[in-house]
C-alpha atoms as a PDB file:
ATOM      1  CA  MET A   1      96.069  43.553  52.336  1.00  0.00           C
ATOM      2  CA  ARG A   2      93.343  43.289  54.977  1.00  0.00           C
ATOM      3  CA  LEU A   3      91.564  46.471  56.038  1.00  0.00           C
ATOM      4  CA  VAL A   4      89.652  46.491  59.304  1.00  0.00           C
ATOM      5  CA  ILE A   5      87.842  49.473  60.802  1.00  0.00           C
ATOM      6  CA  ALA A   6      86.982  48.759  64.398  1.00  0.00           C
ATOM      7  CA  ARG A   7      86.202  50.415  67.688  1.00  0.00           C
ATOM      8  CA  CYS A   8      89.018  49.118  69.831  1.00  0.00           C
ATOM      9  CA  SER A   9      91.610  49.823  72.485  1.00  0.00           C
ATOM     10  CA  VAL A  10      95.246  48.880  71.937  1.00  0.00           C
ATOM     11  CA  ASP A  11      97.950  47.840  74.406  1.00  0.00           C
ATOM     12  CA  TYR A  12     101.605  47.279  73.508  1.00  0.00           C
ATOM     13  CA  LEU A  13     103.335  44.895  75.898  1.00  0.00           C
ATOM     14  CA  GLY A  14     107.116  44.649  75.684  1.00  0.00           C
ATOM     15  CA  LYS A  15     110.231  46.516  76.800  1.00  0.00           C
ATOM     16  CA  LEU A  16     107.999  49.579  76.835  1.00  0.00           C
ATOM     17  CA  THR A  17     104.238  49.659  77.310  1.00  0.00           C
ATOM     18  CA  ALA A  18     101.742  51.912  75.580  1.00  0.00           C
ATOM     19  CA  HIS A  19      97.958  52.220  75.725  1.00  0.00           C
ATOM     20  CA  LEU A  20      95.455  53.614  73.241  1.00  0.00           C
ATOM     21  CA  PRO A  21      91.971  54.065  74.742  1.00  0.00           C
ATOM     22  CA  MET A  22      88.805  52.815  73.063  1.00  0.00           C
ATOM     23  CA  ALA A  23      88.121  54.630  69.777  1.00  0.00           C
ATOM     24  CA  PRO A  24      87.379  53.912  66.091  1.00  0.00           C
ATOM     25  CA  ARG A  25      90.601  53.006  64.252  1.00  0.00           C
ATOM     26  CA  LEU A  26      91.899  51.562  60.995  1.00  0.00           C
ATOM     27  CA  ILE A  27      93.865  48.310  61.278  1.00  0.00           C
ATOM     28  CA  LEU A  28      96.115  47.295  58.358  1.00  0.00           C
ATOM     29  CA  ILE A  29      97.234  43.664  58.142  1.00  0.00           C
ATOM     30  CA  LYS A  30      99.727  43.218  55.314  1.00  0.00           C
ATOM     31  CA  ALA A  31     100.907  40.149  53.442  1.00  0.00           C
ATOM     32  CA  ASP A  32     104.275  40.300  55.238  1.00  0.00           C
ATOM     33  CA  SER A  33     102.269  39.718  58.508  1.00  0.00           C
ATOM     34  CA  SER A  34     102.875  43.265  59.806  1.00  0.00           C
ATOM     35  CA  VAL A  35     100.013  44.925  61.692  1.00  0.00           C
ATOM     36  CA  SER A  36      99.601  48.681  62.094  1.00  0.00           C
ATOM     37  CA  ILE A  37      96.970  50.794  63.843  1.00  0.00           C
ATOM     38  CA  HIS A  38      95.953  54.142  62.319  1.00  0.00           C
ATOM     39  CA  ALA A  39      93.814  57.139  63.278  1.00  0.00           C
ATOM     40  CA  ASP A  40      92.171  59.524  60.819  1.00  0.00           C
ATOM     41  CA  ASP A  41      95.108  61.963  60.986  1.00  0.00           C
ATOM     42  CA  ARG A  42      98.939  61.985  61.227  1.00  0.00           C
ATOM     43  CA  ALA A  43      99.272  61.199  57.514  1.00  0.00           C
ATOM     44  CA  PHE A  44     100.989  57.826  57.011  1.00  0.00           C
ATOM     45  CA  LYS A  45     102.389  57.309  60.514  1.00  0.00           C
ATOM     46  CA  PRO A  46     100.601  54.591  62.545  1.00  0.00           C
ATOM     47  CA  LEU A  47      99.655  55.042  66.202  1.00  0.00           C
ATOM     48  CA  ASN A  48     101.211  51.678  66.954  1.00  0.00           C
ATOM     49  CA  TRP A  49     102.444  48.687  64.979  1.00  0.00           C
ATOM     50  CA  MET A  50     104.186  45.321  64.978  1.00  0.00           C
ATOM     51  CA  ASN A  51     106.822  44.554  62.363  1.00  0.00           C
ATOM     52  CA  PRO A  52     107.326  41.041  60.954  1.00  0.00           C
ATOM     53  CA  PRO A  53     107.943  38.304  61.823  1.00  0.00           C
ATOM     54  CA  CYS A  54     104.755  38.269  63.862  1.00  0.00           C
ATOM     55  CA  LYS A  55     101.552  36.267  64.192  1.00  0.00           C
ATOM     56  CA  LEU A  56      97.953  37.424  64.687  1.00  0.00           C
ATOM     57  CA  ARG A  57      95.621  35.345  66.858  1.00  0.00           C
ATOM     58  CA  GLU A  58      91.949  36.343  66.712  1.00  0.00           C
ATOM     59  CA  GLU A  59      89.706  35.438  69.640  1.00  0.00           C
ATOM     60  CA  GLU A  60      86.268  36.687  70.622  1.00  0.00           C
ATOM     61  CA  GLY A  61      86.732  40.311  71.617  1.00  0.00           C
ATOM     62  CA  THR A  62      90.543  40.165  71.597  1.00  0.00           C
ATOM     63  CA  TRP A  63      93.189  40.138  68.865  1.00  0.00           C
ATOM     64  CA  THR A  64      96.769  39.424  69.894  1.00  0.00           C
ATOM     65  CA  VAL A  65      99.779  40.093  67.657  1.00  0.00           C
ATOM     66  CA  THR A  66     102.960  38.406  68.914  1.00  0.00           C
ATOM     67  CA  HIS A  67     106.438  39.121  67.565  1.00  0.00           C
ATOM     68  CA  GLY A  68     108.191  35.920  66.532  1.00  0.00           C
ATOM     69  CA  LYS A  69     111.602  36.882  67.939  1.00  0.00           C
ATOM     70  CA  THR A  70     111.066  39.191  70.912  1.00  0.00           C
ATOM     71  CA  GLY A  71     107.725  37.863  72.163  1.00  0.00           C
ATOM     72  CA  GLU A  72     106.414  41.425  72.490  1.00  0.00           C
ATOM     73  CA  LYS A  73     102.657  41.731  72.023  1.00  0.00           C
ATOM     74  CA  LEU A  74     100.127  44.095  70.555  1.00  0.00           C
ATOM     75  CA  VAL A  75      96.741  43.392  72.180  1.00  0.00           C
ATOM     76  CA  LEU A  76      93.607  44.814  70.585  1.00  0.00           C
ATOM     77  CA  THR A  77      90.395  44.750  72.617  1.00  0.00           C
ATOM     78  CA  MET A  78      87.644  44.784  69.981  1.00  0.00           C
ATOM     79  CA  GLU A  79      84.359  46.405  70.954  1.00  0.00           C
ATOM     80  CA  GLU A  80      82.895  46.564  67.430  1.00  0.00           C
ATOM     81  CA  ILE A  81      84.094  45.665  63.935  1.00  0.00           C
ATOM     82  CA  ILE A  82      82.658  48.178  61.487  1.00  0.00           C
ATOM     83  CA  HIS A  83      84.381  46.969  58.305  1.00  0.00           C
ATOM     84  CA  ASP A  84      86.534  43.985  57.375  1.00  0.00           C
ATOM     85  CA  SER A  85      87.780  43.359  53.833  1.00  0.00           C
ATOM     86  CA  SER A  86      90.763  41.767  52.092  1.00  0.00           C
ATOM     87  CA  HIS A  87      92.335  42.834  48.812  1.00  0.00           C
ATOM     88  CA  GLU A  88      95.021  41.213  46.655  1.00  0.00           C
ATOM     89  CA  LEU A  89      97.445  43.963  45.630  1.00  0.00           C
ATOM     90  CA  GLY A  90     100.051  41.760  43.931  1.00  0.00           C
ATOM     91  CA  VAL A  91     103.732  42.610  43.656  1.00  0.00           C
ATOM     92  CA  ASP A  92     104.352  46.328  43.857  1.00  0.00           C
ATOM     93  CA  PRO A  93     106.526  47.661  41.016  1.00  0.00           C
ATOM     94  CA  GLY A  94     108.267  50.014  43.446  1.00  0.00           C
ATOM     95  CA  LEU A  95     108.836  53.719  43.239  1.00  0.00           C
ATOM     96  CA  ILE A  96     109.471  54.980  39.724  1.00  0.00           C
ATOM     97  CA  LYS A  97     112.372  57.368  40.034  1.00  0.00           C
ATOM     98  CA  ASP A  98     112.679  60.626  38.159  1.00  0.00           C
ATOM     99  CA  GLY A  99     115.395  61.162  35.588  1.00  0.00           C
ATOM    100  CA  VAL A 100     118.005  62.411  38.035  1.00  0.00           C
ATOM    101  CA  GLU A 101     117.543  59.519  40.489  1.00  0.00           C
ATOM    102  CA  ALA A 102     117.612  56.976  37.674  1.00  0.00           C
ATOM    103  CA  HIS A 103     120.772  58.561  36.262  1.00  0.00           C
ATOM    104  CA  LEU A 104     122.385  58.654  39.722  1.00  0.00           C
ATOM    105  CA  GLN A 105     121.748  54.938  40.030  1.00  0.00           C
ATOM    106  CA  GLU A 106     123.250  54.272  36.609  1.00  0.00           C
ATOM    107  CA  LEU A 107     126.337  56.393  37.301  1.00  0.00           C
ATOM    108  CA  LEU A 108     126.970  54.989  40.769  1.00  0.00           C
ATOM    109  CA  ALA A 109     126.552  51.418  39.504  1.00  0.00           C
ATOM    110  CA  GLU A 110     129.109  52.084  36.752  1.00  0.00           C
ATOM    111  CA  HIS A 111     131.543  53.650  39.225  1.00  0.00           C
ATOM    112  CA  ILE A 112     130.807  51.718  42.403  1.00  0.00           C
ATOM    113  CA  THR A 113     134.331  52.370  43.713  1.00  0.00           C
ATOM    114  CA  THR A 114     133.053  55.858  44.521  1.00  0.00           C
ATOM    115  CA  LEU A 115     131.787  54.175  47.717  1.00  0.00           C
ATOM    116  CA  GLY A 116     135.144  52.575  48.478  1.00  0.00           C
ATOM    117  CA  ALA A 117     138.268  51.123  46.934  1.00  0.00           C
ATOM    118  CA  GLY A 118     137.884  47.495  45.911  1.00  0.00           C
ATOM    119  CA  TRP A 119     134.073  47.596  45.908  1.00  0.00           C
ATOM    120  CA  THR A 120     132.196  45.611  43.235  1.00  0.00           C
ATOM    121  CA  LEU A 121     128.678  45.746  41.813  1.00  0.00           C
ATOM    122  CA  VAL A 122     126.375  42.753  42.249  1.00  0.00           C
ATOM    123  CA  ARG A 123     123.407  44.257  40.390  1.00  0.00           C
ATOM    124  CA  ARG A 124     121.076  47.219  40.075  1.00  0.00           C
ATOM    125  CA  GLU A 125     117.434  46.913  41.144  1.00  0.00           C
ATOM    126  CA  TYR A 126     118.028  43.836  43.293  1.00  0.00           C
ATOM    127  CA  MET A 127     114.514  42.462  43.842  1.00  0.00           C
ATOM    128  CA  THR A 128     113.236  41.585  47.306  1.00  0.00           C
ATOM    129  CA  ALA A 129     109.780  40.471  48.405  1.00  0.00           C
ATOM    130  CA  ILE A 130     108.876  44.081  49.242  1.00  0.00           C
ATOM    131  CA  GLY A 131     110.446  45.851  46.267  1.00  0.00           C
ATOM    132  CA  PRO A 132     113.778  46.458  44.547  1.00  0.00           C
ATOM    133  CA  VAL A 133     116.906  47.676  46.306  1.00  0.00           C
ATOM    134  CA  ASP A 134     118.538  50.336  44.118  1.00  0.00           C
ATOM    135  CA  ILE A 135     122.004  48.779  44.183  1.00  0.00           C
ATOM    136  CA  LEU A 136     123.419  45.650  45.750  1.00  0.00           C
ATOM    137  CA  CYS A 137     127.210  45.654  45.899  1.00  0.00           C
ATOM    138  CA  ARG A 138     130.109  44.150  47.850  1.00  0.00           C
ATOM    139  CA  ASP A 139     132.724  46.015  49.824  1.00  0.00           C
ATOM    140  CA  HIS A 140     136.468  45.353  49.708  1.00  0.00           C
ATOM    141  CA  ALA A 141     136.037  42.432  52.128  1.00  0.00           C
ATOM    142  CA  GLY A 142     133.290  40.813  50.042  1.00  0.00           C
ATOM    143  CA  ALA A 143     130.421  41.708  52.407  1.00  0.00           C
ATOM    144  CA  ASN A 144     127.061  42.633  50.839  1.00  0.00           C
ATOM    145  CA  VAL A 145     125.913  46.261  50.971  1.00  0.00           C
ATOM    146  CA  ALA A 146     122.444  47.543  50.001  1.00  0.00           C
ATOM    147  CA  VAL A 147     122.363  51.104  48.637  1.00  0.00           C
ATOM    148  CA  GLU A 148     119.226  53.266  48.600  1.00  0.00           C
ATOM    149  CA  LEU A 149     119.467  56.291  46.275  1.00  0.00           C
ATOM    150  CA  LYS A 150     117.507  59.538  46.554  1.00  0.00           C
ATOM    151  CA  ARG A 151     117.811  63.095  45.293  1.00  0.00           C
ATOM    152  CA  ARG A 152     116.888  64.327  48.779  1.00  0.00           C
ATOM    153  CA  ALA A 153     116.789  61.722  51.522  1.00  0.00           C
ATOM    154  CA  ASN A 154     114.449  62.118  54.479  1.00  0.00           C
ATOM    155  CA  ILE A 155     113.323  59.823  57.288  1.00  0.00           C
ATOM    156  CA  ASP A 156     111.091  57.864  54.888  1.00  0.00           C
ATOM    157  CA  ALA A 157     114.201  56.820  52.942  1.00  0.00           C
ATOM    158  CA  VAL A 158     115.819  55.530  56.129  1.00  0.00           C
ATOM    159  CA  GLU A 159     112.697  53.537  56.997  1.00  0.00           C
ATOM    160  CA  GLN A 160     112.569  52.112  53.469  1.00  0.00           C
ATOM    161  CA  LEU A 161     116.192  50.984  53.583  1.00  0.00           C
ATOM    162  CA  THR A 162     115.706  49.593  57.104  1.00  0.00           C
ATOM    163  CA  ARG A 163     112.871  47.367  55.840  1.00  0.00           C
ATOM    164  CA  TYR A 164     115.053  46.091  53.000  1.00  0.00           C
ATOM    165  CA  LEU A 165     117.919  45.343  55.395  1.00  0.00           C
ATOM    166  CA  GLU A 166     115.683  43.516  57.872  1.00  0.00           C
ATOM    167  CA  LEU A 167     114.406  41.272  55.075  1.00  0.00           C
ATOM    168  CA  MET A 168     117.758  40.697  53.366  1.00  0.00           C
ATOM    169  CA  ASN A 169     119.502  39.827  56.614  1.00  0.00           C
ATOM    170  CA  ARG A 170     117.095  36.890  57.053  1.00  0.00           C
ATOM    171  CA  ASP A 171     118.600  35.318  53.933  1.00  0.00           C
ATOM    172  CA  PRO A 172     121.634  33.236  54.959  1.00  0.00           C
ATOM    173  CA  LEU A 173     123.025  33.559  51.428  1.00  0.00           C
ATOM    174  CA  LEU A 174     123.134  37.363  51.746  1.00  0.00           C
ATOM    175  CA  ALA A 175     123.669  38.069  55.430  1.00  0.00           C
ATOM    176  CA  PRO A 176     125.258  40.044  56.846  1.00  0.00           C
ATOM    177  CA  VAL A 177     124.035  42.989  54.747  1.00  0.00           C
ATOM    178  CA  THR A 178     124.827  46.582  55.713  1.00  0.00           C
ATOM    179  CA  GLY A 179     123.241  49.691  54.232  1.00  0.00           C
ATOM    180  CA  ILE A 180     124.190  52.959  52.595  1.00  0.00           C
ATOM    181  CA  LEU A 181     121.832  55.893  52.128  1.00  0.00           C
ATOM    182  CA  ALA A 182     123.185  57.867  49.157  1.00  0.00           C
ATOM    183  CA  ALA A 183     121.664  61.172  48.062  1.00  0.00           C
ATOM    184  CA  GLN A 184     122.432  64.636  46.771  1.00  0.00           C
ATOM    185  CA  ALA A 185     121.080  65.976  50.062  1.00  0.00           C
ATOM    186  CA  ILE A 186     120.299  64.211  53.353  1.00  0.00           C
ATOM    187  CA  VAL A 187     118.182  66.034  55.923  1.00  0.00           C
ATOM    188  CA  PRO A 188     119.748  66.132  59.421  1.00  0.00           C
ATOM    189  CA  GLN A 189     116.989  64.035  61.029  1.00  0.00           C
ATOM    190  CA  ALA A 190     117.463  61.303  58.411  1.00  0.00           C
ATOM    191  CA  ARG A 191     121.221  61.317  58.897  1.00  0.00           C
ATOM    192  CA  THR A 192     120.843  61.008  62.676  1.00  0.00           C
ATOM    193  CA  LEU A 193     118.352  58.130  62.384  1.00  0.00           C
ATOM    194  CA  ALA A 194     120.437  56.339  59.746  1.00  0.00           C
ATOM    195  CA  GLU A 195     123.648  56.558  61.746  1.00  0.00           C
ATOM    196  CA  ASP A 196     121.808  55.376  64.870  1.00  0.00           C
ATOM    197  CA  ARG A 197     120.768  52.264  62.898  1.00  0.00           C
ATOM    198  CA  GLY A 198     124.260  51.635  61.582  1.00  0.00           C
ATOM    199  CA  ILE A 199     123.458  52.903  58.089  1.00  0.00           C
ATOM    200  CA  ARG A 200     126.237  54.867  56.377  1.00  0.00           C
ATOM    201  CA  CYS A 201     125.261  58.175  54.740  1.00  0.00           C
ATOM    202  CA  VAL A 202     126.937  59.309  51.513  1.00  0.00           C
ATOM    203  CA  THR A 203     126.310  62.674  49.863  1.00  0.00           C
ATOM    204  CA  LEU A 204     126.606  62.450  46.077  1.00  0.00           C
ATOM    205  CA  ASP A 205     127.738  65.255  43.782  1.00  0.00           C
ATOM    206  CA  TYR A 206     125.637  64.756  40.656  1.00  0.00           C
ATOM    207  CA  ASP A 207     127.786  67.027  38.496  1.00  0.00           C
ATOM    208  CA  ALA A 208     130.963  65.290  39.650  1.00  0.00           C
ATOM    209  CA  LEU A 209     129.416  61.893  38.921  1.00  0.00           C
ATOM    210  CA  ARG A 210     128.544  63.084  35.441  1.00  0.00           C
ATOM    211  CA  GLY A 211     132.166  64.159  35.160  1.00  0.00           C
ATOM    212  CA  ILE A 212     133.152  60.609  36.031  1.00  0.00           C
ATOM    213  CA  GLU A 213     131.009  59.520  33.103  1.00  0.00           C
ATOM    214  CA  ARG A 214     132.818  61.941  30.754  1.00  0.00           C
ATOM    215  CA  ASN A 215     136.461  61.388  31.706  1.00  0.00           C
ATOM    216  CA  ASP A 216     136.417  58.217  33.820  1.00  0.00           C
ATOM    217  CA  THR A 217     138.129  59.813  36.804  1.00  0.00           C
ATOM    218  CA  LEU A 218     137.009  59.686  40.418  1.00  0.00           C
ATOM    219  CA  PHE A 219     136.222  62.730  42.492  1.00  0.00           C
END
């Protein structure tokens, strides 16, 4: 992870254009080559960003981030670099789920046909370069499906699953991979975003799943 604090302006050049005027900002350059621009507010959400695959070219006074597929560009005009440091974070262990989420994963893995007749489990905690997918399974046609499990799914869960899908679909041995967001509750905004991205939403009944565990019947 490279952290740069700089006084800069930012221009996004692509299907849409956007401009951020000159100001002090935090620039995050991650190991996956993604670049994001942050202000000292708005919590985690960047002002602008470029997802991988992309490449950063640093020239005197100008940094250019170019997307490897679309050719869209993020151009940073650097007036002053205040701080520049790099840190090795290593492999992230991923989010440690609470007891209910962990049990949901266990139950759904044991009874994967809850998602569809003829579905089969590949494995739980399928590891990717950016963390583990909760469940990797195959549908009745043998196509791979990545499942992200939450107690209450919000937009962050959709973004997390989207990142997994983007990465997994670059692997010719896995692609095509579709996604399912499974949770006890899914907020409306997350459902809308997921469905817009072709991600199926499934609401899980925890008590019914525990009933599956007791009597081995489907709900």
